[in-house]
N, C-alpha and C. Protein backbone atom coordinates (compact mmCIF):
# COMPACT_ATOMS: atom_id res chain seq x y z
N MET A 1 4.72 18.33 -8.87
CA MET A 1 4.84 17.66 -7.59
C MET A 1 4.38 16.21 -7.77
N ARG A 2 5.07 15.32 -7.09
CA ARG A 2 4.76 13.89 -7.15
C ARG A 2 4.58 13.36 -5.73
N VAL A 3 3.45 12.67 -5.51
CA VAL A 3 3.21 12.03 -4.22
C VAL A 3 2.93 10.55 -4.47
N ILE A 4 3.22 9.75 -3.47
CA ILE A 4 2.95 8.32 -3.55
C ILE A 4 2.11 7.93 -2.34
N ALA A 5 1.12 7.08 -2.58
CA ALA A 5 0.26 6.61 -1.50
C ALA A 5 0.43 5.11 -1.34
N ALA A 6 0.72 4.69 -0.13
CA ALA A 6 0.80 3.26 0.18
C ALA A 6 -0.62 2.74 0.36
N VAL A 7 -0.94 1.65 -0.33
CA VAL A 7 -2.28 1.07 -0.23
C VAL A 7 -2.19 -0.39 0.16
N ASP A 8 -3.18 -0.82 0.92
CA ASP A 8 -3.34 -2.23 1.26
C ASP A 8 -4.51 -2.72 0.43
N VAL A 9 -4.24 -3.49 -0.62
CA VAL A 9 -5.31 -3.90 -1.53
C VAL A 9 -6.34 -4.79 -0.85
N TYR A 10 -6.06 -5.26 0.36
CA TYR A 10 -6.98 -6.14 1.06
C TYR A 10 -7.86 -5.41 2.09
N GLN A 11 -7.53 -4.18 2.42
CA GLN A 11 -8.29 -3.48 3.45
C GLN A 11 -8.55 -2.04 3.05
N GLN A 12 -9.77 -1.70 2.83
CA GLN A 12 -10.23 -0.33 2.65
C GLN A 12 -9.42 0.45 1.62
N ALA A 13 -9.02 -0.22 0.56
CA ALA A 13 -8.20 0.43 -0.46
C ALA A 13 -8.94 1.56 -1.17
N ASP A 14 -10.22 1.38 -1.44
CA ASP A 14 -10.97 2.43 -2.13
C ASP A 14 -10.99 3.71 -1.32
N GLN A 15 -11.27 3.59 -0.03
CA GLN A 15 -11.30 4.77 0.83
C GLN A 15 -9.92 5.42 0.92
N THR A 16 -8.88 4.61 1.00
CA THR A 16 -7.52 5.15 1.05
C THR A 16 -7.21 5.94 -0.21
N VAL A 17 -7.52 5.37 -1.36
CA VAL A 17 -7.26 6.05 -2.63
C VAL A 17 -8.08 7.33 -2.73
N ASP A 18 -9.34 7.28 -2.32
CA ASP A 18 -10.17 8.48 -2.38
C ASP A 18 -9.59 9.59 -1.51
N MET A 19 -9.11 9.25 -0.33
CA MET A 19 -8.50 10.26 0.54
C MET A 19 -7.20 10.78 -0.08
N ALA A 20 -6.42 9.89 -0.68
CA ALA A 20 -5.17 10.31 -1.32
C ALA A 20 -5.45 11.21 -2.52
N VAL A 21 -6.50 10.90 -3.28
CA VAL A 21 -6.87 11.74 -4.43
C VAL A 21 -7.21 13.15 -3.95
N ALA A 22 -7.95 13.26 -2.87
CA ALA A 22 -8.31 14.58 -2.34
C ALA A 22 -7.05 15.39 -2.03
N TRP A 23 -6.06 14.74 -1.45
CA TRP A 23 -4.81 15.43 -1.14
C TRP A 23 -4.02 15.75 -2.41
N ALA A 24 -3.96 14.83 -3.33
CA ALA A 24 -3.26 15.09 -4.59
C ALA A 24 -3.88 16.28 -5.32
N MET A 25 -5.19 16.36 -5.31
CA MET A 25 -5.87 17.48 -5.97
C MET A 25 -5.54 18.80 -5.26
N ARG A 26 -5.55 18.79 -3.93
CA ARG A 26 -5.21 20.01 -3.18
C ARG A 26 -3.79 20.47 -3.49
N LEU A 27 -2.89 19.49 -3.65
CA LEU A 27 -1.48 19.81 -3.89
C LEU A 27 -1.15 20.00 -5.37
N GLY A 28 -2.09 19.65 -6.24
CA GLY A 28 -1.82 19.71 -7.68
C GLY A 28 -0.74 18.70 -8.06
N ALA A 29 -0.79 17.53 -7.44
CA ALA A 29 0.28 16.54 -7.58
C ALA A 29 -0.16 15.32 -8.38
N ARG A 30 0.81 14.72 -9.03
CA ARG A 30 0.59 13.41 -9.64
C ARG A 30 0.63 12.39 -8.51
N LEU A 31 -0.30 11.43 -8.56
CA LEU A 31 -0.43 10.44 -7.49
C LEU A 31 -0.08 9.05 -7.99
N ASP A 32 0.97 8.46 -7.41
CA ASP A 32 1.33 7.07 -7.66
C ASP A 32 0.82 6.23 -6.49
N LEU A 33 0.60 4.94 -6.74
CA LEU A 33 0.19 4.01 -5.70
C LEU A 33 1.29 2.99 -5.46
N LEU A 34 1.38 2.51 -4.22
CA LEU A 34 2.37 1.51 -3.85
C LEU A 34 1.72 0.44 -2.98
N TYR A 35 1.89 -0.81 -3.40
CA TYR A 35 1.46 -1.95 -2.60
C TYR A 35 2.71 -2.76 -2.24
N VAL A 36 2.81 -3.14 -0.97
CA VAL A 36 3.95 -3.94 -0.52
C VAL A 36 3.45 -5.28 0.00
N ASP A 37 4.01 -6.34 -0.55
CA ASP A 37 3.71 -7.70 -0.11
C ASP A 37 4.73 -8.08 0.95
N GLU A 38 4.27 -8.20 2.18
CA GLU A 38 5.20 -8.54 3.28
C GLU A 38 5.55 -10.01 3.30
N PHE A 39 4.79 -10.82 2.61
CA PHE A 39 5.03 -12.26 2.62
C PHE A 39 5.15 -12.77 1.19
N PRO A 40 6.19 -12.35 0.48
CA PRO A 40 6.33 -12.80 -0.91
C PRO A 40 6.54 -14.30 -0.99
N PHE A 41 6.09 -14.86 -2.10
CA PHE A 41 6.18 -16.30 -2.31
C PHE A 41 7.63 -16.72 -2.55
N SER A 42 8.02 -17.82 -1.95
CA SER A 42 9.33 -18.41 -2.19
C SER A 42 9.18 -19.92 -2.20
N GLN A 43 9.73 -20.54 -3.21
CA GLN A 43 9.67 -22.01 -3.31
C GLN A 43 10.79 -22.69 -2.52
N ASP A 44 11.70 -21.93 -1.99
CA ASP A 44 12.89 -22.48 -1.36
C ASP A 44 12.61 -23.51 -0.26
N HIS A 45 11.56 -23.34 0.49
CA HIS A 45 11.29 -24.22 1.63
C HIS A 45 10.31 -25.35 1.30
N LEU A 46 9.87 -25.42 0.06
CA LEU A 46 8.90 -26.46 -0.30
C LEU A 46 9.61 -27.76 -0.66
N PRO A 47 9.07 -28.91 -0.22
CA PRO A 47 9.80 -30.17 -0.27
C PRO A 47 9.90 -30.86 -1.64
N ASP A 48 8.92 -30.69 -2.50
CA ASP A 48 8.97 -31.45 -3.75
C ASP A 48 8.42 -30.64 -4.91
N ALA A 49 8.66 -31.13 -6.11
CA ALA A 49 8.29 -30.41 -7.33
C ALA A 49 6.78 -30.21 -7.44
N THR A 50 5.99 -31.19 -7.05
CA THR A 50 4.53 -31.07 -7.16
C THR A 50 4.02 -29.96 -6.24
N THR A 51 4.51 -29.96 -5.02
CA THR A 51 4.10 -28.92 -4.07
C THR A 51 4.53 -27.55 -4.56
N ARG A 52 5.76 -27.45 -5.08
CA ARG A 52 6.24 -26.17 -5.61
C ARG A 52 5.38 -25.70 -6.77
N SER A 53 5.01 -26.63 -7.65
CA SER A 53 4.18 -26.27 -8.79
C SER A 53 2.80 -25.80 -8.36
N ASP A 54 2.19 -26.51 -7.42
CA ASP A 54 0.87 -26.12 -6.92
C ASP A 54 0.93 -24.75 -6.24
N ALA A 55 1.92 -24.55 -5.41
CA ALA A 55 2.07 -23.26 -4.72
C ALA A 55 2.34 -22.14 -5.70
N ASP A 56 3.14 -22.41 -6.72
CA ASP A 56 3.42 -21.39 -7.73
C ASP A 56 2.14 -21.00 -8.47
N ALA A 57 1.29 -21.95 -8.77
CA ALA A 57 0.02 -21.66 -9.45
C ALA A 57 -0.86 -20.75 -8.58
N VAL A 58 -0.92 -21.05 -7.29
CA VAL A 58 -1.69 -20.21 -6.38
C VAL A 58 -1.10 -18.82 -6.32
N TRP A 59 0.23 -18.73 -6.22
CA TRP A 59 0.88 -17.42 -6.15
C TRP A 59 0.64 -16.61 -7.42
N GLN A 60 0.70 -17.24 -8.58
CA GLN A 60 0.46 -16.53 -9.84
C GLN A 60 -0.96 -15.97 -9.88
N THR A 61 -1.91 -16.72 -9.39
CA THR A 61 -3.30 -16.24 -9.33
C THR A 61 -3.40 -15.04 -8.40
N THR A 62 -2.75 -15.14 -7.26
CA THR A 62 -2.75 -14.03 -6.30
C THR A 62 -2.10 -12.79 -6.89
N ALA A 63 -0.97 -12.97 -7.55
CA ALA A 63 -0.26 -11.84 -8.15
C ALA A 63 -1.12 -11.15 -9.21
N ARG A 64 -1.83 -11.95 -10.02
CA ARG A 64 -2.72 -11.36 -11.03
C ARG A 64 -3.86 -10.58 -10.37
N ARG A 65 -4.38 -11.12 -9.26
CA ARG A 65 -5.45 -10.43 -8.54
C ARG A 65 -4.94 -9.10 -7.97
N ILE A 66 -3.74 -9.09 -7.44
CA ILE A 66 -3.16 -7.84 -6.91
C ILE A 66 -2.96 -6.84 -8.04
N ASP A 67 -2.41 -7.30 -9.16
CA ASP A 67 -2.22 -6.41 -10.32
C ASP A 67 -3.55 -5.83 -10.78
N GLY A 68 -4.58 -6.67 -10.83
CA GLY A 68 -5.91 -6.21 -11.24
C GLY A 68 -6.47 -5.19 -10.27
N GLU A 69 -6.27 -5.43 -8.98
CA GLU A 69 -6.76 -4.49 -7.98
C GLU A 69 -6.02 -3.16 -8.07
N LEU A 70 -4.72 -3.19 -8.28
CA LEU A 70 -3.97 -1.94 -8.43
C LEU A 70 -4.44 -1.17 -9.67
N ALA A 71 -4.69 -1.88 -10.76
CA ALA A 71 -5.18 -1.23 -11.98
C ALA A 71 -6.55 -0.60 -11.72
N ARG A 72 -7.42 -1.31 -11.00
CA ARG A 72 -8.74 -0.77 -10.68
C ARG A 72 -8.62 0.47 -9.80
N LEU A 73 -7.71 0.42 -8.82
CA LEU A 73 -7.52 1.58 -7.95
C LEU A 73 -6.97 2.77 -8.71
N LEU A 74 -6.08 2.54 -9.65
CA LEU A 74 -5.57 3.64 -10.47
C LEU A 74 -6.68 4.34 -11.22
N GLU A 75 -7.67 3.58 -11.67
CA GLU A 75 -8.80 4.15 -12.40
C GLU A 75 -9.64 5.08 -11.53
N ARG A 76 -9.54 4.97 -10.22
CA ARG A 76 -10.27 5.87 -9.32
C ARG A 76 -9.65 7.26 -9.30
N ILE A 77 -8.42 7.35 -9.77
CA ILE A 77 -7.69 8.63 -9.75
C ILE A 77 -8.01 9.37 -11.05
N PRO A 78 -8.46 10.62 -10.97
CA PRO A 78 -8.71 11.38 -12.19
C PRO A 78 -7.45 11.42 -13.07
N ALA A 79 -7.66 11.35 -14.38
CA ALA A 79 -6.55 11.22 -15.34
C ALA A 79 -5.47 12.28 -15.14
N GLU A 80 -5.86 13.51 -14.84
CA GLU A 80 -4.86 14.58 -14.73
C GLU A 80 -3.97 14.45 -13.49
N PHE A 81 -4.35 13.57 -12.57
CA PHE A 81 -3.54 13.35 -11.36
C PHE A 81 -2.96 11.93 -11.31
N ARG A 82 -3.38 11.08 -12.23
CA ARG A 82 -3.02 9.66 -12.19
C ARG A 82 -1.57 9.43 -12.56
N GLY A 83 -0.88 8.69 -11.70
CA GLY A 83 0.49 8.28 -11.95
C GLY A 83 0.54 6.80 -12.28
N GLU A 84 1.38 6.09 -11.58
CA GLU A 84 1.60 4.67 -11.84
C GLU A 84 1.39 3.87 -10.56
N ALA A 85 1.22 2.57 -10.74
CA ALA A 85 1.16 1.66 -9.60
C ALA A 85 2.49 0.94 -9.49
N HIS A 86 2.95 0.78 -8.27
CA HIS A 86 4.21 0.08 -8.00
C HIS A 86 3.95 -1.02 -6.98
N LYS A 87 4.74 -2.08 -7.09
CA LYS A 87 4.67 -3.17 -6.10
C LYS A 87 6.07 -3.37 -5.53
N GLY A 88 6.10 -3.70 -4.25
CA GLY A 88 7.34 -4.03 -3.59
C GLY A 88 7.13 -5.27 -2.74
N ALA A 89 8.21 -5.82 -2.25
CA ALA A 89 8.13 -7.01 -1.40
C ALA A 89 9.13 -6.88 -0.26
N GLY A 90 8.69 -7.25 0.93
CA GLY A 90 9.55 -7.20 2.10
C GLY A 90 8.84 -6.55 3.26
N LYS A 91 9.60 -6.14 4.26
CA LYS A 91 9.03 -5.48 5.44
C LYS A 91 8.42 -4.15 4.98
N ALA A 92 7.12 -3.99 5.17
CA ALA A 92 6.39 -2.87 4.59
C ALA A 92 7.00 -1.51 4.94
N SER A 93 7.33 -1.29 6.21
CA SER A 93 7.83 0.04 6.59
C SER A 93 9.15 0.35 5.90
N VAL A 94 10.00 -0.64 5.72
CA VAL A 94 11.29 -0.43 5.05
C VAL A 94 11.09 -0.19 3.56
N VAL A 95 10.28 -1.03 2.92
CA VAL A 95 10.05 -0.91 1.48
C VAL A 95 9.35 0.41 1.15
N ILE A 96 8.35 0.77 1.94
CA ILE A 96 7.64 2.03 1.70
C ILE A 96 8.61 3.20 1.84
N GLY A 97 9.42 3.18 2.88
CA GLY A 97 10.40 4.26 3.06
C GLY A 97 11.37 4.34 1.90
N THR A 98 11.87 3.21 1.45
CA THR A 98 12.83 3.17 0.34
C THR A 98 12.19 3.63 -0.96
N MET A 99 11.00 3.11 -1.25
CA MET A 99 10.37 3.41 -2.53
C MET A 99 9.78 4.83 -2.59
N SER A 100 9.64 5.48 -1.45
CA SER A 100 9.12 6.85 -1.46
C SER A 100 10.22 7.88 -1.74
N ALA A 101 11.47 7.44 -1.72
CA ALA A 101 12.57 8.37 -2.02
C ALA A 101 12.36 8.94 -3.42
N GLY A 102 12.58 10.21 -3.56
CA GLY A 102 12.41 10.86 -4.86
C GLY A 102 11.03 11.48 -5.04
N TYR A 103 10.11 11.17 -4.13
CA TYR A 103 8.79 11.81 -4.17
C TYR A 103 8.80 13.05 -3.30
N ASP A 104 7.82 13.90 -3.49
CA ASP A 104 7.71 15.10 -2.67
C ASP A 104 7.02 14.82 -1.34
N ALA A 105 6.18 13.78 -1.32
CA ALA A 105 5.48 13.41 -0.08
C ALA A 105 4.97 11.98 -0.20
N LEU A 106 4.71 11.39 0.95
CA LEU A 106 4.17 10.05 1.05
C LEU A 106 2.86 10.12 1.83
N LEU A 107 1.84 9.46 1.30
CA LEU A 107 0.55 9.36 1.99
C LEU A 107 0.39 7.92 2.44
N ILE A 108 0.07 7.73 3.70
CA ILE A 108 -0.12 6.38 4.23
C ILE A 108 -1.30 6.40 5.18
N ARG A 109 -2.06 5.34 5.13
CA ARG A 109 -3.24 5.24 5.98
C ARG A 109 -2.90 4.40 7.21
N THR A 110 -3.42 4.83 8.33
CA THR A 110 -3.34 4.03 9.53
C THR A 110 -4.64 3.26 9.68
N HIS A 111 -4.56 2.07 10.22
CA HIS A 111 -5.77 1.30 10.46
C HIS A 111 -6.51 1.79 11.69
N GLY A 112 -5.86 2.65 12.48
CA GLY A 112 -6.52 3.22 13.65
C GLY A 112 -6.59 2.29 14.84
N ARG A 113 -5.73 1.29 14.86
CA ARG A 113 -5.74 0.35 15.99
C ARG A 113 -5.18 1.04 17.24
N SER A 114 -5.63 0.56 18.38
CA SER A 114 -5.08 1.07 19.63
C SER A 114 -5.04 -0.08 20.63
N GLY A 115 -4.45 0.19 21.76
CA GLY A 115 -4.42 -0.81 22.82
C GLY A 115 -3.69 -2.08 22.44
N LEU A 116 -4.28 -3.21 22.80
CA LEU A 116 -3.66 -4.51 22.59
C LEU A 116 -3.45 -4.80 21.10
N ALA A 117 -4.43 -4.46 20.27
CA ALA A 117 -4.28 -4.70 18.82
C ALA A 117 -3.07 -3.96 18.28
N HIS A 118 -2.87 -2.71 18.71
CA HIS A 118 -1.71 -1.94 18.26
C HIS A 118 -0.42 -2.57 18.77
N LEU A 119 -0.43 -3.01 20.01
CA LEU A 119 0.75 -3.63 20.60
C LEU A 119 1.13 -4.92 19.88
N LEU A 120 0.14 -5.76 19.58
CA LEU A 120 0.40 -7.04 18.95
C LEU A 120 0.70 -6.93 17.46
N LEU A 121 -0.01 -6.06 16.77
CA LEU A 121 0.13 -5.95 15.33
C LEU A 121 1.10 -4.86 14.89
N GLY A 122 1.43 -3.96 15.80
CA GLY A 122 2.35 -2.90 15.45
C GLY A 122 1.71 -1.85 14.59
N SER A 123 2.52 -0.94 14.13
CA SER A 123 2.02 0.14 13.30
C SER A 123 2.99 0.39 12.16
N VAL A 124 2.60 -0.02 10.97
CA VAL A 124 3.42 0.25 9.79
C VAL A 124 3.52 1.76 9.61
N ALA A 125 2.39 2.46 9.74
CA ALA A 125 2.39 3.91 9.55
C ALA A 125 3.36 4.58 10.53
N GLY A 126 3.33 4.15 11.79
CA GLY A 126 4.23 4.73 12.78
C GLY A 126 5.69 4.50 12.43
N ALA A 127 6.02 3.30 11.99
CA ALA A 127 7.40 3.00 11.61
C ALA A 127 7.81 3.80 10.38
N VAL A 128 6.90 3.97 9.43
CA VAL A 128 7.21 4.76 8.24
C VAL A 128 7.46 6.21 8.62
N VAL A 129 6.64 6.76 9.49
CA VAL A 129 6.83 8.15 9.92
C VAL A 129 8.21 8.34 10.55
N ARG A 130 8.64 7.37 11.36
CA ARG A 130 9.94 7.48 12.01
C ARG A 130 11.10 7.34 11.04
N GLU A 131 10.93 6.54 9.99
CA GLU A 131 12.03 6.23 9.08
C GLU A 131 12.05 7.01 7.78
N ALA A 132 10.95 7.61 7.41
CA ALA A 132 10.82 8.22 6.08
C ALA A 132 11.79 9.38 5.88
N LYS A 133 12.23 9.51 4.66
CA LYS A 133 13.12 10.60 4.27
C LYS A 133 12.37 11.71 3.54
N VAL A 134 11.05 11.51 3.38
CA VAL A 134 10.19 12.52 2.75
C VAL A 134 9.06 12.85 3.73
N PRO A 135 8.40 13.98 3.55
CA PRO A 135 7.26 14.29 4.42
C PRO A 135 6.17 13.21 4.28
N VAL A 136 5.56 12.87 5.40
CA VAL A 136 4.53 11.83 5.43
C VAL A 136 3.22 12.43 5.94
N LEU A 137 2.17 12.17 5.20
CA LEU A 137 0.83 12.56 5.63
C LEU A 137 0.11 11.27 6.01
N VAL A 138 -0.27 11.16 7.28
CA VAL A 138 -0.96 9.96 7.76
C VAL A 138 -2.46 10.20 7.64
N LEU A 139 -3.11 9.32 6.88
CA LEU A 139 -4.54 9.39 6.66
C LEU A 139 -5.23 8.50 7.69
N HIS A 140 -6.11 9.08 8.48
CA HIS A 140 -6.81 8.32 9.51
C HIS A 140 -8.16 7.86 8.97
N PRO A 141 -8.61 6.67 9.39
CA PRO A 141 -9.92 6.19 8.94
C PRO A 141 -11.01 7.14 9.42
N ARG A 142 -12.01 7.27 8.59
CA ARG A 142 -13.16 8.10 8.97
C ARG A 142 -13.99 7.33 10.00
N PRO A 143 -14.54 8.06 10.97
CA PRO A 143 -15.40 7.37 11.94
C PRO A 143 -16.62 6.78 11.24
N ALA A 144 -17.10 5.67 11.78
CA ALA A 144 -18.29 5.05 11.21
C ALA A 144 -19.47 6.00 11.32
N GLN A 145 -20.26 6.05 10.28
CA GLN A 145 -21.45 6.90 10.25
C GLN A 145 -22.57 6.21 11.05
N THR A 146 -23.25 6.97 11.86
CA THR A 146 -24.38 6.42 12.59
C THR A 146 -25.65 6.98 12.01
N ALA A 147 -26.71 6.20 12.11
CA ALA A 147 -27.99 6.63 11.52
C ALA A 147 -28.72 7.56 12.42
């Protein structure tokens, strides 16, 4: 069995991977990770060569940081369940749906927003659930621990 987990390397990625590992272990599945960049770099709109060069340098640094973070997250997965890390670019819900084809299941975390925040920011998880061609397990954030 193969499952893929969508991760946001900028928000609570460790917790997302840990929750996905727990599910992969229950299912006896190999776990791949997927990060989608919704705002990929493009030089097309930049006015001059110097600006393009500077922006490209920043983007290369960012891309290396994302690659490093994905590699670090893969290491959190026990070797017997560890798959590969994948990157995509574009509208997250579309890319996640497309790249999950061929897997047995997709794991995605919701940020747990509600009300105005949900209305303004939308829900990638909700869109993926509606569009996915594979079963989707939505991982909800754990409530904050109180002392």
